[in-house]
Amino acid sequence: MSRGRRKTLIRVLEIAAAGVVALDVVLYLALVRPLRSLREGEEASYAATRDRLRDGKARVARLEKFKATLPDAEEQLTAFFKDHVPPRRRGFSRAARLVRELAEQAGVQVTGITYKLGHGKDEPLERLALDVEVEGPFASLLKFAHALETADDFIALRDISFQPVEGGTLTLHVGADLYLTP
């Protein structure tokens, strides 16, 4: 082969190789890259959908469990209201009897009790605010406060304060809320 032909053949092969490289770059930019990003987007979408489906199944399972226990919960709630939440018409007398009985059991003397009926909007229960003052030794006052807090009635203590009194005794001021059915 002559030198001129060899140069021409090498030149043609170089142009063909450059064309193949250019075609490869064009195909990469036109097909591979967009398809890769499309695949990654679809994978992300699939993962998100799979996660939402898993969360939805878990939520359905929780709702089915809740639905299964709902009749029992309604009965238990009705029983709780019947046993621990007095009606409004008996609330004052029940609160007075409760404070008197607990004071006798604890060995303290009731020096004052006030009531205030609270009217909350859109609340299922009414609140009877109690302010009780009892006098006695410290251990007996703690026993009274504990007994009031753990009473069977639906009662919540708001505040407690102690004040010294002459004769080595203390006065306990207890603010509590007794919940009543309307």
N, C-alpha and C. Protein backbone atom coordinates (compact mmCIF):
# COMPACT_ATOMS: atom_id res chain seq x y z
N MET A 1 0.83 -1.16 0.00
CA MET A 1 0.00 0.00 0.00
C MET A 1 0.88 1.22 0.00
N SER A 2 0.44 2.16 -0.74
CA SER A 2 1.26 3.36 -0.87
C SER A 2 1.01 4.27 0.33
N ARG A 3 1.97 5.12 0.47
CA ARG A 3 1.95 6.03 1.60
C ARG A 3 0.76 6.97 1.54
N GLY A 4 0.37 7.45 0.44
CA GLY A 4 -0.77 8.35 0.26
C GLY A 4 -2.07 7.66 0.62
N ARG A 5 -2.14 6.38 0.18
CA ARG A 5 -3.35 5.63 0.49
C ARG A 5 -3.43 5.37 2.00
N ARG A 6 -2.30 5.05 2.59
CA ARG A 6 -2.30 4.81 4.01
C ARG A 6 -2.74 6.05 4.78
N LYS A 7 -2.26 7.20 4.38
CA LYS A 7 -2.65 8.46 5.03
C LYS A 7 -4.15 8.69 4.87
N THR A 8 -4.64 8.41 3.68
CA THR A 8 -6.07 8.60 3.43
C THR A 8 -6.88 7.62 4.28
N LEU A 9 -6.44 6.38 4.34
CA LEU A 9 -7.14 5.37 5.11
C LEU A 9 -7.10 5.72 6.60
N ILE A 10 -5.98 6.16 7.12
CA ILE A 10 -5.86 6.57 8.52
C ILE A 10 -6.77 7.75 8.80
N ARG A 11 -6.81 8.69 7.87
CA ARG A 11 -7.65 9.88 8.02
C ARG A 11 -9.12 9.47 8.06
N VAL A 12 -9.50 8.54 7.16
CA VAL A 12 -10.90 8.07 7.13
C VAL A 12 -11.23 7.35 8.45
N LEU A 13 -10.29 6.51 8.94
CA LEU A 13 -10.52 5.82 10.20
C LEU A 13 -10.59 6.80 11.38
N GLU A 14 -9.76 7.83 11.35
CA GLU A 14 -9.82 8.85 12.41
C GLU A 14 -11.16 9.57 12.39
N ILE A 15 -11.63 9.92 11.19
CA ILE A 15 -12.92 10.62 11.06
C ILE A 15 -14.04 9.69 11.51
N ALA A 16 -13.95 8.40 11.11
CA ALA A 16 -14.97 7.44 11.51
C ALA A 16 -14.96 7.26 13.04
N ALA A 17 -13.77 7.18 13.66
CA ALA A 17 -13.66 7.03 15.11
C ALA A 17 -14.21 8.26 15.81
N ALA A 18 -13.88 9.45 15.27
CA ALA A 18 -14.42 10.69 15.85
C ALA A 18 -15.93 10.72 15.70
N GLY A 19 -16.45 10.22 14.57
CA GLY A 19 -17.90 10.15 14.37
C GLY A 19 -18.56 9.20 15.35
N VAL A 20 -17.89 8.03 15.59
CA VAL A 20 -18.44 7.07 16.55
C VAL A 20 -18.45 7.67 17.95
N VAL A 21 -17.36 8.36 18.32
CA VAL A 21 -17.30 9.02 19.64
C VAL A 21 -18.39 10.09 19.73
N ALA A 22 -18.54 10.91 18.66
CA ALA A 22 -19.57 11.95 18.67
C ALA A 22 -20.96 11.32 18.77
N LEU A 23 -21.18 10.22 18.00
CA LEU A 23 -22.46 9.54 18.06
C LEU A 23 -22.70 8.97 19.46
N ASP A 24 -21.67 8.45 20.09
CA ASP A 24 -21.78 7.92 21.45
C ASP A 24 -22.17 9.04 22.43
N VAL A 25 -21.53 10.20 22.31
CA VAL A 25 -21.85 11.34 23.18
C VAL A 25 -23.28 11.78 22.94
N VAL A 26 -23.69 11.87 21.68
CA VAL A 26 -25.07 12.29 21.37
C VAL A 26 -26.07 11.29 21.93
N LEU A 27 -25.82 9.99 21.75
CA LEU A 27 -26.72 8.97 22.27
C LEU A 27 -26.77 9.02 23.80
N TYR A 28 -25.61 9.24 24.43
CA TYR A 28 -25.59 9.34 25.89
C TYR A 28 -26.45 10.51 26.35
N LEU A 29 -26.24 11.68 25.71
CA LEU A 29 -26.98 12.87 26.12
C LEU A 29 -28.46 12.78 25.74
N ALA A 30 -28.77 12.12 24.61
CA ALA A 30 -30.14 12.09 24.13
C ALA A 30 -30.95 10.94 24.73
N LEU A 31 -30.31 9.81 25.05
CA LEU A 31 -31.07 8.65 25.50
C LEU A 31 -30.72 8.20 26.92
N VAL A 32 -29.47 7.95 27.18
CA VAL A 32 -29.08 7.31 28.43
C VAL A 32 -29.36 8.22 29.63
N ARG A 33 -28.90 9.45 29.55
CA ARG A 33 -29.08 10.36 30.68
C ARG A 33 -30.56 10.62 30.99
N PRO A 34 -31.39 10.96 29.97
CA PRO A 34 -32.81 11.17 30.28
C PRO A 34 -33.48 9.89 30.79
N LEU A 35 -33.13 8.74 30.24
CA LEU A 35 -33.73 7.50 30.70
C LEU A 35 -33.31 7.16 32.13
N ARG A 36 -32.04 7.46 32.47
CA ARG A 36 -31.57 7.22 33.83
C ARG A 36 -32.32 8.11 34.82
N SER A 37 -32.46 9.38 34.50
CA SER A 37 -33.17 10.28 35.41
C SER A 37 -34.66 9.91 35.48
N LEU A 38 -35.22 9.44 34.37
CA LEU A 38 -36.61 8.98 34.38
C LEU A 38 -36.75 7.74 35.28
N ARG A 39 -35.80 6.81 35.18
CA ARG A 39 -35.82 5.62 36.02
C ARG A 39 -35.69 5.99 37.50
N GLU A 40 -34.76 6.91 37.82
CA GLU A 40 -34.58 7.33 39.21
C GLU A 40 -35.85 7.99 39.75
N GLY A 41 -36.50 8.80 38.92
CA GLY A 41 -37.77 9.43 39.32
C GLY A 41 -38.85 8.40 39.57
N GLU A 42 -38.92 7.39 38.70
CA GLU A 42 -39.92 6.33 38.87
C GLU A 42 -39.62 5.50 40.13
N GLU A 43 -38.34 5.25 40.39
CA GLU A 43 -37.97 4.51 41.60
C GLU A 43 -38.36 5.29 42.85
N ALA A 44 -38.11 6.60 42.83
CA ALA A 44 -38.47 7.44 43.97
C ALA A 44 -39.98 7.46 44.14
N SER A 45 -40.71 7.57 43.03
CA SER A 45 -42.17 7.57 43.09
C SER A 45 -42.68 6.23 43.63
N TYR A 46 -42.07 5.13 43.19
CA TYR A 46 -42.46 3.81 43.66
C TYR A 46 -42.20 3.67 45.16
N ALA A 47 -41.04 4.15 45.61
CA ALA A 47 -40.70 4.06 47.04
C ALA A 47 -41.68 4.89 47.87
N ALA A 48 -42.01 6.09 47.38
CA ALA A 48 -42.95 6.94 48.11
C ALA A 48 -44.33 6.29 48.16
N THR A 49 -44.76 5.72 47.05
CA THR A 49 -46.06 5.05 47.02
C THR A 49 -46.06 3.83 47.94
N ARG A 50 -44.96 3.08 47.94
CA ARG A 50 -44.84 1.91 48.81
C ARG A 50 -44.92 2.34 50.28
N ASP A 51 -44.23 3.45 50.62
CA ASP A 51 -44.27 3.94 52.01
C ASP A 51 -45.67 4.40 52.39
N ARG A 52 -46.35 5.12 51.48
CA ARG A 52 -47.72 5.57 51.76
C ARG A 52 -48.65 4.37 51.93
N LEU A 53 -48.47 3.35 51.10
CA LEU A 53 -49.29 2.15 51.21
C LEU A 53 -49.04 1.44 52.54
N ARG A 54 -47.79 1.33 52.95
CA ARG A 54 -47.46 0.70 54.23
C ARG A 54 -48.08 1.50 55.38
N ASP A 55 -47.96 2.83 55.33
CA ASP A 55 -48.54 3.67 56.38
C ASP A 55 -50.07 3.55 56.38
N GLY A 56 -50.65 3.49 55.19
CA GLY A 56 -52.11 3.33 55.09
C GLY A 56 -52.57 2.01 55.67
N LYS A 57 -51.83 0.94 55.39
CA LYS A 57 -52.19 -0.37 55.94
C LYS A 57 -52.07 -0.35 57.47
N ALA A 58 -51.04 0.28 57.98
CA ALA A 58 -50.88 0.36 59.44
C ALA A 58 -52.03 1.16 60.05
N ARG A 59 -52.42 2.24 59.38
CA ARG A 59 -53.52 3.05 59.90
C ARG A 59 -54.83 2.27 59.86
N VAL A 60 -55.06 1.54 58.78
CA VAL A 60 -56.26 0.71 58.68
C VAL A 60 -56.28 -0.32 59.80
N ALA A 61 -55.13 -0.93 60.08
CA ALA A 61 -55.06 -1.92 61.16
C ALA A 61 -55.38 -1.28 62.51
N ARG A 62 -54.85 -0.07 62.75
CA ARG A 62 -55.15 0.62 64.01
C ARG A 62 -56.63 0.98 64.09
N LEU A 63 -57.21 1.44 62.99
CA LEU A 63 -58.63 1.79 62.99
C LEU A 63 -59.51 0.56 63.19
N GLU A 64 -59.13 -0.57 62.59
CA GLU A 64 -59.91 -1.79 62.80
C GLU A 64 -59.82 -2.24 64.25
N LYS A 65 -58.65 -2.11 64.85
CA LYS A 65 -58.49 -2.47 66.26
C LYS A 65 -59.34 -1.54 67.13
N PHE A 66 -59.31 -0.23 66.81
CA PHE A 66 -60.12 0.74 67.54
C PHE A 66 -61.60 0.43 67.38
N LYS A 67 -62.00 0.10 66.16
CA LYS A 67 -63.40 -0.21 65.88
C LYS A 67 -63.84 -1.44 66.66
N ALA A 68 -62.95 -2.41 66.79
CA ALA A 68 -63.29 -3.62 67.53
C ALA A 68 -63.45 -3.34 69.02
N THR A 69 -62.68 -2.41 69.56
CA THR A 69 -62.77 -2.10 70.99
C THR A 69 -63.78 -1.00 71.30
N LEU A 70 -64.33 -0.36 70.29
CA LEU A 70 -65.25 0.76 70.51
C LEU A 70 -66.48 0.37 71.32
N PRO A 71 -67.17 -0.74 71.03
CA PRO A 71 -68.34 -1.07 71.87
C PRO A 71 -67.96 -1.25 73.33
N ASP A 72 -66.83 -1.89 73.61
CA ASP A 72 -66.38 -2.07 74.98
C ASP A 72 -66.04 -0.72 75.61
N ALA A 73 -65.42 0.15 74.85
CA ALA A 73 -65.04 1.47 75.38
C ALA A 73 -66.28 2.27 75.74
N GLU A 74 -67.30 2.20 74.93
CA GLU A 74 -68.53 2.95 75.23
C GLU A 74 -69.17 2.43 76.51
N GLU A 75 -69.19 1.11 76.68
CA GLU A 75 -69.73 0.53 77.91
C GLU A 75 -68.88 0.92 79.11
N GLN A 76 -67.56 0.90 78.94
CA GLN A 76 -66.68 1.27 80.04
C GLN A 76 -66.83 2.74 80.40
N LEU A 77 -66.99 3.58 79.40
CA LEU A 77 -67.19 5.01 79.65
C LEU A 77 -68.50 5.25 80.39
N THR A 78 -69.55 4.56 79.98
CA THR A 78 -70.84 4.69 80.65
C THR A 78 -70.73 4.22 82.10
N ALA A 79 -70.03 3.11 82.32
CA ALA A 79 -69.84 2.61 83.68
C ALA A 79 -69.01 3.58 84.51
N PHE A 80 -67.98 4.20 83.90
CA PHE A 80 -67.16 5.18 84.63
C PHE A 80 -68.02 6.37 85.05
N PHE A 81 -68.82 6.89 84.13
CA PHE A 81 -69.68 8.03 84.47
C PHE A 81 -70.66 7.65 85.57
N LYS A 82 -71.21 6.46 85.50
CA LYS A 82 -72.20 6.02 86.49
C LYS A 82 -71.56 5.88 87.88
N ASP A 83 -70.34 5.32 87.93
CA ASP A 83 -69.70 5.04 89.21
C ASP A 83 -68.90 6.20 89.80
N HIS A 84 -68.33 7.07 88.96
CA HIS A 84 -67.38 8.06 89.46
C HIS A 84 -67.75 9.52 89.20
N VAL A 85 -68.77 9.78 88.43
CA VAL A 85 -69.15 11.16 88.12
C VAL A 85 -70.59 11.37 88.56
N PRO A 86 -70.79 12.09 89.67
CA PRO A 86 -72.17 12.27 90.16
C PRO A 86 -72.93 13.27 89.28
N PRO A 87 -74.26 13.17 89.30
CA PRO A 87 -75.05 14.17 88.57
C PRO A 87 -74.99 15.52 89.28
N ARG A 88 -75.28 16.55 88.55
CA ARG A 88 -75.17 17.91 89.08
C ARG A 88 -76.04 18.12 90.31
N ARG A 89 -77.23 17.56 90.31
CA ARG A 89 -78.16 17.81 91.43
C ARG A 89 -77.66 17.21 92.74
N ARG A 90 -76.75 16.21 92.68
CA ARG A 90 -76.20 15.62 93.90
C ARG A 90 -74.73 15.99 94.11
N GLY A 91 -74.20 16.85 93.29
CA GLY A 91 -72.77 17.18 93.34
C GLY A 91 -72.33 17.85 94.62
N PHE A 92 -73.12 18.84 95.08
CA PHE A 92 -72.72 19.59 96.28
C PHE A 92 -72.74 18.68 97.51
N SER A 93 -73.81 17.90 97.66
CA SER A 93 -73.90 17.03 98.84
C SER A 93 -72.84 15.92 98.78
N ARG A 94 -72.57 15.41 97.60
CA ARG A 94 -71.56 14.36 97.47
C ARG A 94 -70.18 14.91 97.81
N ALA A 95 -69.89 16.14 97.36
CA ALA A 95 -68.60 16.77 97.66
C ALA A 95 -68.46 17.01 99.16
N ALA A 96 -69.52 17.52 99.81
CA ALA A 96 -69.46 17.78 101.25
C ALA A 96 -69.28 16.48 102.03
N ARG A 97 -70.00 15.43 101.65
CA ARG A 97 -69.88 14.14 102.32
C ARG A 97 -68.47 13.56 102.13
N LEU A 98 -67.93 13.68 100.91
CA LEU A 98 -66.59 13.17 100.62
C LEU A 98 -65.55 13.87 101.48
N VAL A 99 -65.59 15.20 101.55
CA VAL A 99 -64.62 15.96 102.34
C VAL A 99 -64.76 15.61 103.82
N ARG A 100 -65.99 15.52 104.32
CA ARG A 100 -66.22 15.20 105.74
C ARG A 100 -65.69 13.81 106.08
N GLU A 101 -66.00 12.81 105.23
CA GLU A 101 -65.54 11.44 105.49
C GLU A 101 -64.02 11.33 105.45
N LEU A 102 -63.40 11.96 104.46
CA LEU A 102 -61.95 11.89 104.35
C LEU A 102 -61.26 12.62 105.50
N ALA A 103 -61.86 13.73 105.96
CA ALA A 103 -61.30 14.47 107.10
C ALA A 103 -61.37 13.63 108.37
N GLU A 104 -62.49 12.93 108.56
CA GLU A 104 -62.62 12.07 109.73
C GLU A 104 -61.62 10.92 109.68
N GLN A 105 -61.45 10.32 108.51
CA GLN A 105 -60.52 9.20 108.37
C GLN A 105 -59.07 9.64 108.59
N ALA A 106 -58.74 10.85 108.16
CA ALA A 106 -57.37 11.35 108.29
C ALA A 106 -57.10 11.96 109.65
N GLY A 107 -58.14 12.27 110.41
CA GLY A 107 -57.97 12.86 111.74
C GLY A 107 -57.68 14.35 111.68
N VAL A 108 -58.28 15.05 110.72
CA VAL A 108 -58.12 16.50 110.63
C VAL A 108 -59.49 17.15 110.77
N GLN A 109 -59.47 18.47 111.02
CA GLN A 109 -60.72 19.21 111.20
C GLN A 109 -60.93 20.15 110.03
N VAL A 110 -62.12 20.09 109.44
CA VAL A 110 -62.47 20.98 108.32
C VAL A 110 -62.79 22.35 108.91
N THR A 111 -62.04 23.37 108.46
CA THR A 111 -62.29 24.73 108.95
C THR A 111 -63.03 25.58 107.93
N GLY A 112 -63.13 25.12 106.70
CA GLY A 112 -63.87 25.87 105.69
C GLY A 112 -63.93 25.13 104.37
N ILE A 113 -65.07 25.30 103.71
CA ILE A 113 -65.21 24.71 102.39
C ILE A 113 -66.11 25.61 101.57
N THR A 114 -65.69 25.89 100.35
CA THR A 114 -66.51 26.70 99.45
C THR A 114 -66.66 25.97 98.13
N TYR A 115 -67.76 26.25 97.46
CA TYR A 115 -68.08 25.61 96.18
C TYR A 115 -68.30 26.69 95.13
N LYS A 116 -67.96 26.36 93.91
CA LYS A 116 -68.26 27.26 92.80
C LYS A 116 -68.48 26.39 91.56
N LEU A 117 -69.67 26.47 91.01
CA LEU A 117 -70.00 25.67 89.84
C LEU A 117 -69.48 26.38 88.59
N GLY A 118 -68.66 25.69 87.83
CA GLY A 118 -68.09 26.26 86.61
C GLY A 118 -68.91 25.86 85.39
N HIS A 119 -69.09 26.81 84.50
CA HIS A 119 -69.83 26.56 83.27
C HIS A 119 -68.87 26.68 82.10
N GLY A 120 -68.41 25.54 81.57
CA GLY A 120 -67.52 25.54 80.41
C GLY A 120 -68.32 25.32 79.14
N LYS A 121 -67.97 26.05 78.11
CA LYS A 121 -68.65 25.87 76.83
C LYS A 121 -68.14 24.62 76.13
N ASP A 122 -69.04 23.92 75.52
CA ASP A 122 -68.73 22.74 74.71
C ASP A 122 -67.93 21.69 75.49
N GLU A 123 -68.17 21.57 76.77
CA GLU A 123 -67.53 20.54 77.57
C GLU A 123 -68.58 19.53 77.99
N PRO A 124 -68.24 18.25 77.95
CA PRO A 124 -69.24 17.23 78.27
C PRO A 124 -69.57 17.14 79.76
N LEU A 125 -68.68 17.65 80.62
CA LEU A 125 -68.89 17.59 82.06
C LEU A 125 -68.86 18.99 82.64
N GLU A 126 -69.58 19.17 83.75
CA GLU A 126 -69.51 20.44 84.48
C GLU A 126 -68.48 20.28 85.58
N ARG A 127 -67.94 21.40 86.01
CA ARG A 127 -66.88 21.38 87.00
C ARG A 127 -67.35 22.12 88.25
N LEU A 128 -67.25 21.43 89.39
CA LEU A 128 -67.57 22.02 90.68
C LEU A 128 -66.24 22.29 91.37
N ALA A 129 -65.89 23.57 91.47
CA ALA A 129 -64.62 23.94 92.11
C ALA A 129 -64.80 23.91 93.63
N LEU A 130 -63.89 23.22 94.29
CA LEU A 130 -63.91 23.12 95.75
C LEU A 130 -62.68 23.82 96.30
N ASP A 131 -62.86 24.61 97.33
CA ASP A 131 -61.75 25.17 98.09
C ASP A 131 -61.94 24.72 99.53
N VAL A 132 -61.06 23.84 99.97
CA VAL A 132 -61.19 23.21 101.28
C VAL A 132 -60.02 23.64 102.15
N GLU A 133 -60.35 23.97 103.42
CA GLU A 133 -59.31 24.25 104.40
C GLU A 133 -59.51 23.29 105.56
N VAL A 134 -58.42 22.59 105.88
CA VAL A 134 -58.44 21.66 107.01
C VAL A 134 -57.25 21.96 107.90
N GLU A 135 -57.40 21.61 109.17
CA GLU A 135 -56.35 21.90 110.16
C GLU A 135 -55.99 20.62 110.89
N GLY A 136 -54.67 20.46 111.13
CA GLY A 136 -54.23 19.28 111.87
C GLY A 136 -52.73 19.11 111.75
N PRO A 137 -52.22 17.99 112.25
CA PRO A 137 -50.78 17.72 112.14
C PRO A 137 -50.40 17.42 110.68
N PHE A 138 -49.12 17.63 110.38
CA PHE A 138 -48.64 17.51 109.00
C PHE A 138 -48.93 16.14 108.39
N ALA A 139 -48.66 15.06 109.12
CA ALA A 139 -48.87 13.71 108.59
C ALA A 139 -50.35 13.49 108.27
N SER A 140 -51.23 13.97 109.12
CA SER A 140 -52.67 13.81 108.89
C SER A 140 -53.13 14.64 107.69
N LEU A 141 -52.54 15.82 107.52
CA LEU A 141 -52.90 16.65 106.37
C LEU A 141 -52.47 15.98 105.06
N LEU A 142 -51.28 15.38 105.07
CA LEU A 142 -50.84 14.64 103.88
C LEU A 142 -51.75 13.46 103.60
N LYS A 143 -52.17 12.77 104.65
CA LYS A 143 -53.08 11.64 104.49
C LYS A 143 -54.40 12.11 103.89
N PHE A 144 -54.90 13.25 104.34
CA PHE A 144 -56.15 13.81 103.80
C PHE A 144 -55.98 14.18 102.32
N ALA A 145 -54.90 14.86 102.00
CA ALA A 145 -54.67 15.28 100.61
C ALA A 145 -54.55 14.06 99.69
N HIS A 146 -53.84 13.04 100.15
CA HIS A 146 -53.70 11.82 99.35
C HIS A 146 -55.05 11.12 99.17
N ALA A 147 -55.83 11.05 100.24
CA ALA A 147 -57.14 10.41 100.15
C ALA A 147 -58.06 11.18 99.21
N LEU A 148 -57.99 12.50 99.23
CA LEU A 148 -58.82 13.31 98.33
C LEU A 148 -58.39 13.10 96.88
N GLU A 149 -57.09 13.03 96.66
CA GLU A 149 -56.58 12.85 95.29
C GLU A 149 -56.91 11.48 94.74
N THR A 150 -56.96 10.47 95.57
CA THR A 150 -57.21 9.10 95.11
C THR A 150 -58.64 8.64 95.36
N ALA A 151 -59.54 9.57 95.63
CA ALA A 151 -60.95 9.22 95.87
C ALA A 151 -61.56 8.61 94.61
N ASP A 152 -62.63 7.86 94.82
CA ASP A 152 -63.30 7.20 93.70
C ASP A 152 -63.99 8.20 92.77
N ASP A 153 -64.35 9.34 93.28
CA ASP A 153 -64.99 10.35 92.43
C ASP A 153 -63.97 10.95 91.48
N PHE A 154 -64.47 11.47 90.36
CA PHE A 154 -63.61 12.07 89.33
C PHE A 154 -63.26 13.48 89.81
N ILE A 155 -62.17 13.56 90.57
CA ILE A 155 -61.74 14.81 91.19
C ILE A 155 -60.28 15.05 90.85
N ALA A 156 -59.95 16.30 90.59
CA ALA A 156 -58.57 16.66 90.26
C ALA A 156 -58.14 17.81 91.17
N LEU A 157 -56.99 17.66 91.80
CA LEU A 157 -56.47 18.72 92.67
C LEU A 157 -55.81 19.80 91.83
N ARG A 158 -56.12 21.06 92.14
CA ARG A 158 -55.53 22.18 91.42
C ARG A 158 -54.32 22.75 92.13
N ASP A 159 -54.48 22.98 93.43
CA ASP A 159 -53.37 23.57 94.19
C ASP A 159 -53.47 23.14 95.64
N ILE A 160 -52.30 23.13 96.28
CA ILE A 160 -52.21 22.76 97.69
C ILE A 160 -51.24 23.73 98.34
N SER A 161 -51.61 24.22 99.52
CA SER A 161 -50.69 25.09 100.26
C SER A 161 -50.85 24.85 101.76
N PHE A 162 -49.76 24.99 102.46
CA PHE A 162 -49.73 24.82 103.91
C PHE A 162 -49.45 26.17 104.56
N GLN A 163 -50.06 26.38 105.74
CA GLN A 163 -49.77 27.58 106.53
C GLN A 163 -49.70 27.17 108.00
N PRO A 164 -48.71 27.69 108.71
CA PRO A 164 -48.62 27.33 110.14
C PRO A 164 -49.71 28.04 110.95
N VAL A 165 -50.13 27.35 112.00
CA VAL A 165 -51.14 27.89 112.91
C VAL A 165 -50.58 27.74 114.33
N GLU A 166 -51.07 28.56 115.23
CA GLU A 166 -50.60 28.46 116.62
C GLU A 166 -50.91 27.09 117.18
N GLY A 167 -50.07 26.63 118.06
CA GLY A 167 -50.29 25.33 118.70
C GLY A 167 -49.59 24.19 117.99
N GLY A 168 -48.72 24.48 117.06
CA GLY A 168 -47.95 23.44 116.40
C GLY A 168 -48.68 22.68 115.30
N THR A 169 -49.81 23.17 114.88
CA THR A 169 -50.53 22.51 113.79
C THR A 169 -50.42 23.35 112.52
N LEU A 170 -50.90 22.80 111.47
CA LEU A 170 -50.86 23.47 110.17
C LEU A 170 -52.26 23.54 109.59
N THR A 171 -52.43 24.49 108.67
CA THR A 171 -53.66 24.58 107.89
C THR A 171 -53.31 24.20 106.47
N LEU A 172 -54.12 23.33 105.90
CA LEU A 172 -53.94 22.90 104.51
C LEU A 172 -55.07 23.50 103.69
N HIS A 173 -54.68 24.21 102.63
CA HIS A 173 -55.66 24.74 101.69
C HIS A 173 -55.55 23.91 100.41
N VAL A 174 -56.66 23.30 100.01
CA VAL A 174 -56.69 22.46 98.82
C VAL A 174 -57.72 23.02 97.86
N GLY A 175 -57.29 23.25 96.63
CA GLY A 175 -58.21 23.61 95.56
C GLY A 175 -58.38 22.40 94.66
N ALA A 176 -59.64 22.00 94.44
CA ALA A 176 -59.88 20.80 93.65
C ALA A 176 -61.09 21.03 92.75
N ASP A 177 -61.18 20.22 91.72
CA ASP A 177 -62.33 20.27 90.81
C ASP A 177 -62.99 18.91 90.81
N LEU A 178 -64.28 18.88 91.14
CA LEU A 178 -65.08 17.67 91.08
C LEU A 178 -65.92 17.78 89.81
N TYR A 179 -65.82 16.77 88.96
CA TYR A 179 -66.54 16.81 87.69
C TYR A 179 -67.89 16.16 87.83
N LEU A 180 -68.91 16.80 87.24
CA LEU A 180 -70.30 16.38 87.36
C LEU A 180 -70.92 16.21 85.97
N THR A 181 -71.91 15.34 85.93
CA THR A 181 -72.68 15.24 84.68
C THR A 181 -73.76 16.29 84.71
N PRO A 182 -74.01 16.95 83.60
CA PRO A 182 -75.03 18.03 83.58
C PRO A 182 -76.43 17.51 83.84
